[in-house]
Protein backbone atom coordinates (compact mmCIF):
# COMPACT_ATOMS: atom_id res chain seq x y z
CA MET A 1 16.64 -1.74 -7.44
CA PRO A 2 16.66 -0.23 -3.88
CA LYS A 3 19.23 -1.06 -1.35
CA LYS A 4 18.26 -3.71 1.40
CA LEU A 5 15.59 -2.34 3.70
CA THR A 6 16.09 -2.07 7.34
CA LYS A 7 13.17 -3.24 9.62
CA LYS A 8 12.66 0.24 10.72
CA ARG A 9 12.34 1.57 7.15
CA ALA A 10 10.11 -1.31 6.17
CA LYS A 11 7.87 -0.53 9.07
CA LEU A 12 7.64 3.08 7.95
CA LEU A 13 6.94 2.16 4.37
CA ALA A 14 4.26 -0.31 5.43
CA GLU A 15 2.59 2.50 7.46
CA LEU A 16 2.77 4.91 4.48
CA THR A 17 1.42 2.26 2.07
CA GLU A 18 -1.50 1.60 4.29
CA LEU A 19 -2.19 5.28 4.59
CA VAL A 20 -2.23 5.70 0.77
CA GLY A 21 -4.34 2.52 0.19
CA GLY A 22 -6.86 3.95 2.68
CA HIS A 23 -7.72 6.75 0.28
CA CYS A 24 -9.35 4.80 -2.51
CA TYR A 25 -12.77 5.68 -3.65
CA ASN A 26 -15.29 4.18 -5.91
CA GLY A 27 -18.24 6.47 -6.85
CA ASN A 28 -20.09 3.60 -8.42
CA ILE A 29 -20.60 1.67 -5.28
CA GLN A 30 -24.25 1.84 -4.10
CA ASN A 31 -24.56 2.25 -0.35
CA TYR A 32 -27.45 0.60 1.51
CA GLY A 33 -27.72 0.83 5.26
CA PRO A 34 -29.96 -0.84 7.84
CA GLY A 35 -33.28 -2.11 6.52
CA GLY A 36 -32.14 -1.49 2.97
CA MET A 37 -32.32 2.24 3.15
CA TYR A 38 -30.22 3.82 0.32
CA GLU A 39 -27.55 6.04 1.63
CA GLY A 40 -26.07 7.48 -1.52
CA GLU A 41 -23.48 6.58 -4.11
CA GLY A 42 -19.74 6.03 -3.65
CA ARG A 43 -17.58 4.52 -0.89
CA SER A 44 -14.04 4.90 0.34
CA PHE A 45 -12.21 1.65 0.97
CA GLN A 46 -8.76 0.21 1.91
CA TYR A 47 -7.04 -1.03 -1.13
CA SER A 48 -5.15 -4.36 -0.93
CA LEU A 49 -1.45 -4.46 -1.37
CA THR A 50 -0.10 -7.39 -3.39
CA VAL A 51 3.38 -8.75 -2.42
CA THR A 52 5.52 -11.38 -4.12
CA ASP A 53 7.51 -13.85 -2.02
CA GLN A 54 10.98 -15.26 -2.85
CA GLU A 55 9.32 -18.19 -4.82
CA GLY A 56 7.11 -15.85 -7.05
CA ASN A 57 3.92 -16.45 -5.15
CA LYS A 58 1.60 -13.43 -4.85
CA ARG A 59 -0.54 -12.65 -1.97
CA LYS A 60 -2.79 -9.76 -1.01
CA CYS A 61 -3.02 -7.89 2.32
CA LYS A 62 -5.19 -4.93 3.21
CA TYR A 63 -3.22 -3.86 6.22
CA PRO A 64 0.55 -4.41 5.57
CA THR A 65 1.37 -3.13 9.15
CA ASN A 66 -0.49 -6.03 10.59
CA ALA A 67 0.81 -8.67 8.13
CA THR A 68 3.94 -10.67 8.57
CA ILE A 69 5.93 -9.52 5.48
CA SER A 70 9.65 -9.52 5.25
CA PRO A 71 11.35 -6.31 4.08
CA GLU A 72 12.39 -8.21 0.83
CA GLU A 73 8.73 -9.15 0.22
CA LEU A 74 7.43 -5.61 1.12
CA ILE A 75 9.53 -3.81 -1.49
CA SER A 76 7.59 -5.75 -4.18
CA GLY A 77 4.36 -4.51 -2.85
CA HIS A 78 2.12 -2.98 -5.56
CA PHE A 79 -1.51 -1.86 -5.90
CA LYS A 80 -3.15 -3.74 -8.94
CA PHE A 81 -5.63 -1.57 -11.05
CA GLY A 82 -6.84 -3.80 -13.82
CA ALA A 83 -3.91 -4.34 -16.25
CA ASN A 84 -1.91 -1.70 -14.53
CA GLN A 85 0.02 -1.64 -11.26
CA LEU A 86 1.38 0.96 -9.05
CA ASN A 87 4.72 -0.05 -7.44
CA ILE A 88 3.77 1.92 -4.34
CA VAL A 89 6.27 0.70 -1.82
CA TYR A 90 9.25 1.17 -4.18
CA ALA A 91 7.90 4.67 -5.09
CA LEU A 92 7.48 5.60 -1.37
CA ASP A 93 10.97 4.34 -0.72
CA ARG A 94 12.22 6.69 -3.59
CA VAL A 95 10.22 9.63 -1.96
CA LEU A 96 11.98 8.85 1.38
CA ALA A 97 15.38 8.72 -0.40
CA LYS A 98 14.67 12.10 -2.11
CA LEU A 99 13.66 13.71 1.21
CA GLU A 100 16.85 12.23 2.89
CA GLY A 101 19.14 13.37 0.24
CA ASP A 102 17.70 16.70 -0.72
CA TYR A 103 16.04 18.01 2.45
CA GLY A 104 18.13 16.24 5.23
CA LEU A 105 15.36 13.96 6.49
CA LYS A 106 16.89 11.69 9.15
CA LEU A 107 15.15 8.28 9.66
C-alpha cells in the first residue's frame, strides 16, 4: 500500500489518470453525424475512473481533476474492463516513485 498522498501528488495523479483515460478507443462504435450521415467506424472516448470511499461505496467519474475526491479515495481509483480492473492511480503512483527514486524526479 502506498504512503499517504499529499494534495499536490493527488492532483498530479488525477491529471495523469485523466490523460490515460482519454486514450480509450472502441473500433466497434458506429459514428453517425448530422442528418444520420455515416462517418465511419470507431470512436475515442474518456474512460470513467471508479473510486471507492471509506464506507466501500463505489462511484464513477470521467474527469477526476474536476471531481471532489479525497487523496484516500483517489488511490483506490481503477478502470473497470469487464471482469478485469486496472488499478491505474496506484500504478501511476508507482511510476512516479520509480522516477523519483531512480531518476531524481522532484515533485
